[in-house]
Amino acid sequence: MPRLVTIADAKKRDAQIQLDSPKRGETVRYVSKANGAPIHLERLIKTTDRSSYEALVGRLGSPEALGKAMIEGDPEVEIEQVGRRLGHATRVHVGPGGQVLYAARVLQVVTAPDGTEKSRGDFVDVEATVGEELPPIVWTGRLMPANDVVRRFVFVRKVQLRHVNGLTFDFLYDMAKSLHDEKKMLLVGAGAKGQAPLIFQTNGSPFRGFLEGRVDGDSYRLVLHLSNLELKRVAVAAKAAVEGGES
């Protein structure tokens, strides 16, 4: 079924419209170079918990002893298991000692850019901000040249806005024509002032939204470009301290 969301225009009028994802291209098929026969992918066992690095170090006593054992033989390879077809398998969580965990506590861990842990706590569900029964996507009025947008943000997804009846056709056509005439993209968001990110499902990724509009005669196209990454210049240290060495 089509997904319906609510969006507002520059006059703060809102309407329910349809979101469509672009159609995917043809499925890639892999064939044999020799005879053109289709290739079937298989999942094979790579190693077991008894031949992991941690298990081998624990059994042999030290990394040095493991290195010596690997020179003399192949303790990391279990001949009877490695290379076997995996078949049906169930994903499980394991503890530091390799034991299966039957009940796991989901935590939210925040780390600094250097990898050090800043905080941890119970995971809290993040609710969606975009949906059929949720407040509309807000027209912020912040217009940006397309050339600036594509140089500042990385687009990871896009969806097309479609009308569901004659009234919403006129509604979306006017929005597309306004953006087409301005030759700019519009920053849109959720919340009362459009400052909240667009989240399409519970615990989904938060996105910035940029609306692009095109018209051709009586036809229109409205595309919502989504980004979760902003490109920023890396700060350059002053060269004087490195080059000059002045006192």
C-alpha atoms as a PDB file:
ATOM      1  CA  MET A   1       0.000   0.000   0.000  1.00  0.00           C
ATOM      2  CA  PRO A   2       1.203   3.567  -0.669  1.00  0.00           C
ATOM      3  CA  ARG A   3       2.617   5.443   2.285  1.00  0.00           C
ATOM      4  CA  LEU A   4       0.774   8.628   3.210  1.00  0.00           C
ATOM      5  CA  VAL A   5       2.335  11.586   5.016  1.00  0.00           C
ATOM      6  CA  THR A   6       1.252  15.141   5.717  1.00  0.00           C
ATOM      7  CA  ILE A   7       3.161  18.161   4.414  1.00  0.00           C
ATOM      8  CA  ALA A   8       2.569  21.907   4.715  1.00  0.00           C
ATOM      9  CA  ASP A   9       3.208  24.616   2.124  1.00  0.00           C
ATOM     10  CA  ALA A  10       4.438  28.210   2.442  1.00  0.00           C
ATOM     11  CA  LYS A  11       0.916  29.343   3.423  1.00  0.00           C
ATOM     12  CA  LYS A  12       0.853  26.804   6.282  1.00  0.00           C
ATOM     13  CA  ARG A  13      -1.839  24.759   4.555  1.00  0.00           C
ATOM     14  CA  ASP A  14      -1.311  21.030   4.867  1.00  0.00           C
ATOM     15  CA  ALA A  15      -2.517  17.974   2.999  1.00  0.00           C
ATOM     16  CA  GLN A  16      -1.929  14.242   2.938  1.00  0.00           C
ATOM     17  CA  ILE A  17       0.145  13.091   0.007  1.00  0.00           C
ATOM     18  CA  GLN A  18       1.871   9.888  -1.079  1.00  0.00           C
ATOM     19  CA  LEU A  19       5.552   9.002  -0.754  1.00  0.00           C
ATOM     20  CA  ASP A  20       7.084   6.821  -3.467  1.00  0.00           C
ATOM     21  CA  SER A  21      10.605   5.418  -3.563  1.00  0.00           C
ATOM     22  CA  PRO A  22      12.355   5.220  -6.948  1.00  0.00           C
ATOM     23  CA  LYS A  23      11.969   1.923  -8.729  1.00  0.00           C
ATOM     24  CA  ARG A  24      14.988  -0.330  -8.438  1.00  0.00           C
ATOM     25  CA  GLY A  25      16.860  -1.349 -11.534  1.00  0.00           C
ATOM     26  CA  GLU A  26      17.135  -4.859 -12.834  1.00  0.00           C
ATOM     27  CA  THR A  27      18.472  -7.439 -10.406  1.00  0.00           C
ATOM     28  CA  VAL A  28      22.143  -8.246 -10.969  1.00  0.00           C
ATOM     29  CA  ARG A  29      22.724 -11.827 -12.069  1.00  0.00           C
ATOM     30  CA  TYR A  30      26.046 -13.588 -11.657  1.00  0.00           C
ATOM     31  CA  VAL A  31      26.967 -16.259 -14.198  1.00  0.00           C
ATOM     32  CA  SER A  32      29.932 -18.522 -14.782  1.00  0.00           C
ATOM     33  CA  LYS A  33      32.599 -17.180 -17.120  1.00  0.00           C
ATOM     34  CA  ALA A  34      33.116 -20.647 -18.551  1.00  0.00           C
ATOM     35  CA  ASN A  35      29.616 -21.636 -19.631  1.00  0.00           C
ATOM     36  CA  GLY A  36      27.276 -18.837 -18.586  1.00  0.00           C
ATOM     37  CA  ALA A  37      25.488 -20.981 -16.000  1.00  0.00           C
ATOM     38  CA  PRO A  38      24.014 -19.097 -13.009  1.00  0.00           C
ATOM     39  CA  ILE A  39      26.186 -18.890  -9.923  1.00  0.00           C
ATOM     40  CA  HIS A  40      24.664 -19.762  -6.546  1.00  0.00           C
ATOM     41  CA  LEU A  41      26.098 -18.083  -3.466  1.00  0.00           C
ATOM     42  CA  GLU A  42      26.720 -20.310  -0.464  1.00  0.00           C
ATOM     43  CA  ARG A  43      27.435 -19.421   3.166  1.00  0.00           C
ATOM     44  CA  LEU A  44      30.406 -21.426   4.448  1.00  0.00           C
ATOM     45  CA  ILE A  45      31.807 -21.873   7.937  1.00  0.00           C
ATOM     46  CA  LYS A  46      34.939 -19.764   8.281  1.00  0.00           C
ATOM     47  CA  THR A  47      35.957 -20.708  11.823  1.00  0.00           C
ATOM     48  CA  THR A  48      34.526 -21.838  15.169  1.00  0.00           C
ATOM     49  CA  ASP A  49      34.661 -20.503  18.703  1.00  0.00           C
ATOM     50  CA  ARG A  50      37.364 -23.074  19.567  1.00  0.00           C
ATOM     51  CA  SER A  51      39.723 -21.673  16.934  1.00  0.00           C
ATOM     52  CA  SER A  52      39.233 -17.946  17.573  1.00  0.00           C
ATOM     53  CA  TYR A  53      42.199 -15.834  18.610  1.00  0.00           C
ATOM     54  CA  GLU A  54      40.972 -15.482  22.191  1.00  0.00           C
ATOM     55  CA  ALA A  55      40.346 -19.214  22.567  1.00  0.00           C
ATOM     56  CA  LEU A  56      43.749 -20.147  21.137  1.00  0.00           C
ATOM     57  CA  VAL A  57      45.620 -17.672  23.354  1.00  0.00           C
ATOM     58  CA  GLY A  58      43.741 -18.960  26.376  1.00  0.00           C
ATOM     59  CA  ARG A  59      44.612 -22.561  25.510  1.00  0.00           C
ATOM     60  CA  LEU A  60      48.287 -21.956  24.599  1.00  0.00           C
ATOM     61  CA  GLY A  61      49.025 -19.370  27.262  1.00  0.00           C
ATOM     62  CA  SER A  62      50.311 -16.331  25.336  1.00  0.00           C
ATOM     63  CA  PRO A  63      50.330 -14.652  21.902  1.00  0.00           C
ATOM     64  CA  GLU A  64      53.961 -15.656  21.512  1.00  0.00           C
ATOM     65  CA  ALA A  65      53.106 -19.302  22.076  1.00  0.00           C
ATOM     66  CA  LEU A  66      50.265 -18.999  19.575  1.00  0.00           C
ATOM     67  CA  GLY A  67      52.634 -17.516  16.978  1.00  0.00           C
ATOM     68  CA  LYS A  68      55.064 -20.401  17.461  1.00  0.00           C
ATOM     69  CA  ALA A  69      52.229 -22.930  17.166  1.00  0.00           C
ATOM     70  CA  MET A  70      51.012 -21.345  13.925  1.00  0.00           C
ATOM     71  CA  ILE A  71      54.522 -21.602  12.456  1.00  0.00           C
ATOM     72  CA  GLU A  72      54.709 -25.277  13.376  1.00  0.00           C
ATOM     73  CA  GLY A  73      51.140 -26.172  12.406  1.00  0.00           C
ATOM     74  CA  ASP A  74      47.602 -24.889  11.857  1.00  0.00           C
ATOM     75  CA  PRO A  75      45.883 -24.701  15.263  1.00  0.00           C
ATOM     76  CA  GLU A  76      43.496 -22.024  13.929  1.00  0.00           C
ATOM     77  CA  VAL A  77      41.981 -24.362  11.322  1.00  0.00           C
ATOM     78  CA  GLU A  78      39.443 -27.061  12.214  1.00  0.00           C
ATOM     79  CA  ILE A  79      39.601 -29.334   9.190  1.00  0.00           C
ATOM     80  CA  GLU A  80      36.264 -31.020   9.931  1.00  0.00           C
ATOM     81  CA  GLN A  81      34.339 -27.728  10.170  1.00  0.00           C
ATOM     82  CA  VAL A  82      35.973 -25.056   8.006  1.00  0.00           C
ATOM     83  CA  GLY A  83      34.435 -24.832   4.543  1.00  0.00           C
ATOM     84  CA  ARG A  84      31.234 -26.718   5.329  1.00  0.00           C
ATOM     85  CA  ARG A  85      27.954 -25.286   4.039  1.00  0.00           C
ATOM     86  CA  LEU A  86      26.269 -23.339   6.790  1.00  0.00           C
ATOM     87  CA  GLY A  87      22.654 -23.904   5.813  1.00  0.00           C
ATOM     88  CA  HIS A  88      19.967 -22.536   8.128  1.00  0.00           C
ATOM     89  CA  ALA A  89      21.415 -20.634  11.081  1.00  0.00           C
ATOM     90  CA  THR A  90      20.106 -18.443  13.894  1.00  0.00           C
ATOM     91  CA  ARG A  91      21.943 -15.347  15.063  1.00  0.00           C
ATOM     92  CA  VAL A  92      22.797 -15.368  18.777  1.00  0.00           C
ATOM     93  CA  HIS A  93      24.586 -12.998  21.146  1.00  0.00           C
ATOM     94  CA  VAL A  94      27.666 -14.273  22.968  1.00  0.00           C
ATOM     95  CA  GLY A  95      29.510 -12.987  26.007  1.00  0.00           C
ATOM     96  CA  PRO A  96      33.224 -12.157  26.351  1.00  0.00           C
ATOM     97  CA  GLY A  97      33.971 -15.796  27.136  1.00  0.00           C
ATOM     98  CA  GLY A  98      32.079 -17.112  24.122  1.00  0.00           C
ATOM     99  CA  GLN A  99      29.057 -18.305  26.134  1.00  0.00           C
ATOM    100  CA  VAL A 100      25.628 -17.889  24.523  1.00  0.00           C
ATOM    101  CA  LEU A 101      23.518 -15.132  26.087  1.00  0.00           C
ATOM    102  CA  TYR A 102      19.856 -16.066  26.376  1.00  0.00           C
ATOM    103  CA  ALA A 103      18.770 -12.655  27.699  1.00  0.00           C
ATOM    104  CA  ALA A 104      20.549  -9.485  26.574  1.00  0.00           C
ATOM    105  CA  ARG A 105      20.179  -5.943  27.907  1.00  0.00           C
ATOM    106  CA  VAL A 106      20.259  -3.365  25.133  1.00  0.00           C
ATOM    107  CA  LEU A 107      22.328  -0.311  26.089  1.00  0.00           C
ATOM    108  CA  GLN A 108      22.958   2.991  24.393  1.00  0.00           C
ATOM    109  CA  VAL A 109      26.689   3.794  24.483  1.00  0.00           C
ATOM    110  CA  VAL A 110      27.934   7.261  23.535  1.00  0.00           C
ATOM    111  CA  THR A 111      31.573   7.558  22.487  1.00  0.00           C
ATOM    112  CA  ALA A 112      33.820  10.495  21.706  1.00  0.00           C
ATOM    113  CA  PRO A 113      35.482  10.891  18.270  1.00  0.00           C
ATOM    114  CA  ASP A 114      38.638   9.242  19.653  1.00  0.00           C
ATOM    115  CA  GLY A 115      36.661   6.160  20.696  1.00  0.00           C
ATOM    116  CA  THR A 116      36.581   6.753  24.460  1.00  0.00           C
ATOM    117  CA  GLU A 117      33.267   6.036  26.144  1.00  0.00           C
ATOM    118  CA  LYS A 118      31.402   9.110  27.374  1.00  0.00           C
ATOM    119  CA  SER A 119      28.243   7.552  28.800  1.00  0.00           C
ATOM    120  CA  ARG A 120      25.997   4.518  28.719  1.00  0.00           C
ATOM    121  CA  GLY A 121      22.408   3.849  29.739  1.00  0.00           C
ATOM    122  CA  ASP A 122      19.249   2.002  28.842  1.00  0.00           C
ATOM    123  CA  PHE A 123      18.220   2.310  25.210  1.00  0.00           C
ATOM    124  CA  VAL A 124      15.219   4.597  24.739  1.00  0.00           C
ATOM    125  CA  ASP A 125      12.991   4.181  21.696  1.00  0.00           C
ATOM    126  CA  VAL A 126      12.996   7.183  19.348  1.00  0.00           C
ATOM    127  CA  GLU A 127       9.549   7.680  17.874  1.00  0.00           C
ATOM    128  CA  ALA A 128       8.910   8.555  14.246  1.00  0.00           C
ATOM    129  CA  THR A 129       8.292  12.193  13.358  1.00  0.00           C
ATOM    130  CA  VAL A 130       6.817  11.604   9.888  1.00  0.00           C
ATOM    131  CA  GLY A 131       3.655   9.623   9.243  1.00  0.00           C
ATOM    132  CA  GLU A 132       0.018   9.609   8.253  1.00  0.00           C
ATOM    133  CA  GLU A 133      -1.265  10.503  11.732  1.00  0.00           C
ATOM    134  CA  LEU A 134       1.649  12.759  12.717  1.00  0.00           C
ATOM    135  CA  PRO A 135       2.018  16.556  12.350  1.00  0.00           C
ATOM    136  CA  PRO A 136       2.990  17.776   8.872  1.00  0.00           C
ATOM    137  CA  ILE A 137       6.456  18.183   7.434  1.00  0.00           C
ATOM    138  CA  VAL A 138       7.042  21.908   7.827  1.00  0.00           C
ATOM    139  CA  TRP A 139       7.877  24.404   5.079  1.00  0.00           C
ATOM    140  CA  THR A 140      10.668  26.300   6.821  1.00  0.00           C
ATOM    141  CA  GLY A 141      11.103  28.960   4.140  1.00  0.00           C
ATOM    142  CA  ARG A 142      14.866  28.397   4.168  1.00  0.00           C
ATOM    143  CA  LEU A 143      15.848  28.248   0.494  1.00  0.00           C
ATOM    144  CA  MET A 144      19.339  27.203  -0.552  1.00  0.00           C
ATOM    145  CA  PRO A 145      20.996  27.032  -3.992  1.00  0.00           C
ATOM    146  CA  ALA A 146      21.261  23.440  -5.175  1.00  0.00           C
ATOM    147  CA  ASN A 147      25.008  23.819  -5.811  1.00  0.00           C
ATOM    148  CA  ASP A 148      25.543  24.768  -2.166  1.00  0.00           C
ATOM    149  CA  VAL A 149      23.401  21.914  -0.857  1.00  0.00           C
ATOM    150  CA  VAL A 150      25.180  19.164  -2.803  1.00  0.00           C
ATOM    151  CA  ARG A 151      28.550  20.472  -1.614  1.00  0.00           C
ATOM    152  CA  ARG A 152      27.540  20.610   2.055  1.00  0.00           C
ATOM    153  CA  PHE A 153      25.427  17.485   2.500  1.00  0.00           C
ATOM    154  CA  VAL A 154      25.607  13.838   1.471  1.00  0.00           C
ATOM    155  CA  PHE A 155      22.308  12.494   0.094  1.00  0.00           C
ATOM    156  CA  VAL A 156      21.687   8.884   1.124  1.00  0.00           C
ATOM    157  CA  ARG A 157      18.075   8.477   0.025  1.00  0.00           C
ATOM    158  CA  LYS A 158      15.338  10.203  -1.928  1.00  0.00           C
ATOM    159  CA  VAL A 159      11.569   9.854  -2.194  1.00  0.00           C
ATOM    160  CA  GLN A 160       9.068  11.375  -4.593  1.00  0.00           C
ATOM    161  CA  LEU A 161       5.976  13.249  -3.419  1.00  0.00           C
ATOM    162  CA  ARG A 162       2.831  12.336  -5.359  1.00  0.00           C
ATOM    163  CA  HIS A 163      -0.725  13.653  -5.289  1.00  0.00           C
ATOM    164  CA  VAL A 164      -3.639  11.406  -4.336  1.00  0.00           C
ATOM    165  CA  ASN A 165      -6.442  13.461  -5.934  1.00  0.00           C
ATOM    166  CA  GLY A 166      -7.061  16.594  -7.990  1.00  0.00           C
ATOM    167  CA  LEU A 167      -6.821  18.975  -5.041  1.00  0.00           C
ATOM    168  CA  THR A 168      -3.466  17.638  -3.890  1.00  0.00           C
ATOM    169  CA  PHE A 169      -2.239  17.802  -7.503  1.00  0.00           C
ATOM    170  CA  ASP A 170      -2.738  21.582  -7.474  1.00  0.00           C
ATOM    171  CA  PHE A 171      -1.263  21.745  -3.961  1.00  0.00           C
ATOM    172  CA  LEU A 172       1.972  19.959  -4.915  1.00  0.00           C
ATOM    173  CA  TYR A 173       2.187  21.585  -8.351  1.00  0.00           C
ATOM    174  CA  ASP A 174       2.226  25.043  -6.730  1.00  0.00           C
ATOM    175  CA  MET A 175       5.000  23.931  -4.370  1.00  0.00           C
ATOM    176  CA  ALA A 176       7.066  22.508  -7.221  1.00  0.00           C
ATOM    177  CA  LYS A 177       6.580  25.605  -9.367  1.00  0.00           C
ATOM    178  CA  SER A 178       7.634  27.886  -6.516  1.00  0.00           C
ATOM    179  CA  LEU A 179      10.902  25.963  -6.069  1.00  0.00           C
ATOM    180  CA  HIS A 180      11.400  25.666  -9.833  1.00  0.00           C
ATOM    181  CA  ASP A 181      11.077  29.432 -10.299  1.00  0.00           C
ATOM    182  CA  GLU A 182      13.444  30.148  -7.404  1.00  0.00           C
ATOM    183  CA  LYS A 183      15.947  27.572  -8.724  1.00  0.00           C
ATOM    184  CA  LYS A 184      16.639  26.583  -5.130  1.00  0.00           C
ATOM    185  CA  MET A 185      16.040  23.702  -2.726  1.00  0.00           C
ATOM    186  CA  LEU A 186      13.970  24.036   0.432  1.00  0.00           C
ATOM    187  CA  LEU A 187      15.061  22.766   3.842  1.00  0.00           C
ATOM    188  CA  VAL A 188      12.144  20.957   5.495  1.00  0.00           C
ATOM    189  CA  GLY A 189      11.809  19.326   8.895  1.00  0.00           C
ATOM    190  CA  ALA A 190       9.467  18.043  11.568  1.00  0.00           C
ATOM    191  CA  GLY A 191       8.167  19.705  14.700  1.00  0.00           C
ATOM    192  CA  ALA A 192       6.354  22.999  15.186  1.00  0.00           C
ATOM    193  CA  LYS A 193       9.098  25.058  13.515  1.00  0.00           C
ATOM    194  CA  GLY A 194      10.581  22.394  11.258  1.00  0.00           C
ATOM    195  CA  GLN A 195      13.758  22.123  13.318  1.00  0.00           C
ATOM    196  CA  ALA A 196      13.372  18.445  14.266  1.00  0.00           C
ATOM    197  CA  PRO A 197      14.828  15.726  12.012  1.00  0.00           C
ATOM    198  CA  LEU A 198      12.705  13.572   9.728  1.00  0.00           C
ATOM    199  CA  ILE A 199      12.364  10.058  11.202  1.00  0.00           C
ATOM    200  CA  PHE A 200      10.172   7.735   9.151  1.00  0.00           C
ATOM    201  CA  GLN A 201       9.906   4.815  11.589  1.00  0.00           C
ATOM    202  CA  THR A 202      10.514   4.033  15.254  1.00  0.00           C
ATOM    203  CA  ASN A 203      14.267   4.058  15.967  1.00  0.00           C
ATOM    204  CA  GLY A 204      14.879   4.992  12.341  1.00  0.00           C
ATOM    205  CA  SER A 205      17.700   7.200  11.117  1.00  0.00           C
ATOM    206  CA  PRO A 206      17.192  10.964  11.533  1.00  0.00           C
ATOM    207  CA  PHE A 207      17.451  12.925   8.288  1.00  0.00           C
ATOM    208  CA  ARG A 208      17.612  16.491   7.070  1.00  0.00           C
ATOM    209  CA  GLY A 209      15.180  16.963   4.208  1.00  0.00           C
ATOM    210  CA  PHE A 210      15.729  19.076   1.086  1.00  0.00           C
ATOM    211  CA  LEU A 211      12.806  19.522  -1.264  1.00  0.00           C
ATOM    212  CA  GLU A 212      13.477  19.926  -4.984  1.00  0.00           C
ATOM    213  CA  GLY A 213      10.753  20.988  -7.405  1.00  0.00           C
ATOM    214  CA  ARG A 214      10.536  20.882 -11.203  1.00  0.00           C
ATOM    215  CA  VAL A 215       7.714  21.676 -13.593  1.00  0.00           C
ATOM    216  CA  ASP A 216       7.249  21.050 -17.307  1.00  0.00           C
ATOM    217  CA  GLY A 217       4.017  22.477 -18.646  1.00  0.00           C
ATOM    218  CA  ASP A 218       1.213  20.882 -16.634  1.00  0.00           C
ATOM    219  CA  SER A 219       3.511  18.246 -15.125  1.00  0.00           C
ATOM    220  CA  TYR A 220       5.498  18.527 -11.903  1.00  0.00           C
ATOM    221  CA  ARG A 221       8.052  16.570  -9.906  1.00  0.00           C
ATOM    222  CA  LEU A 222       8.713  17.004  -6.197  1.00  0.00           C
ATOM    223  CA  VAL A 223      11.656  15.055  -4.792  1.00  0.00           C
ATOM    224  CA  LEU A 224      12.572  14.937  -1.115  1.00  0.00           C
ATOM    225  CA  HIS A 225      16.332  14.391  -0.760  1.00  0.00           C
ATOM    226  CA  LEU A 226      17.429  13.002   2.608  1.00  0.00           C
ATOM    227  CA  SER A 227      20.801  13.497   4.257  1.00  0.00           C
ATOM    228  CA  ASN A 228      22.311  12.327   7.541  1.00  0.00           C
ATOM    229  CA  LEU A 229      25.845  13.585   6.925  1.00  0.00           C
ATOM    230  CA  GLU A 230      27.157  17.132   6.578  1.00  0.00           C
ATOM    231  CA  LEU A 231      30.507  17.838   4.958  1.00  0.00           C
ATOM    232  CA  LYS A 232      32.725  20.203   6.930  1.00  0.00           C
ATOM    233  CA  ARG A 233      36.177  21.606   6.328  1.00  0.00           C
ATOM    234  CA  VAL A 234      38.951  20.142   8.445  1.00  0.00           C
ATOM    235  CA  ALA A 235      40.527  22.796  10.633  1.00  0.00           C
ATOM    236  CA  VAL A 236      44.069  23.591   9.458  1.00  0.00           C
ATOM    237  CA  ALA A 237      46.607  24.405  12.170  1.00  0.00           C
ATOM    238  CA  ALA A 238      48.588  27.571  11.811  1.00  0.00           C
ATOM    239  CA  LYS A 239      51.877  27.016   9.974  1.00  0.00           C
ATOM    240  CA  ALA A 240      53.879  29.593  11.863  1.00  0.00           C
ATOM    241  CA  ALA A 241      54.518  27.339  14.862  1.00  0.00           C
ATOM    242  CA  VAL A 242      55.749  24.546  12.600  1.00  0.00           C
ATOM    243  CA  GLU A 243      57.650  26.383   9.875  1.00  0.00           C
ATOM    244  CA  GLY A 244      59.112  29.461  11.466  1.00  0.00           C
ATOM    245  CA  GLY A 245      60.409  28.407  14.813  1.00  0.00           C
ATOM    246  CA  GLU A 246      60.642  32.107  15.648  1.00  0.00           C
ATOM    247  CA  SER A 247      61.266  33.088  19.222  1.00  0.00           C
END
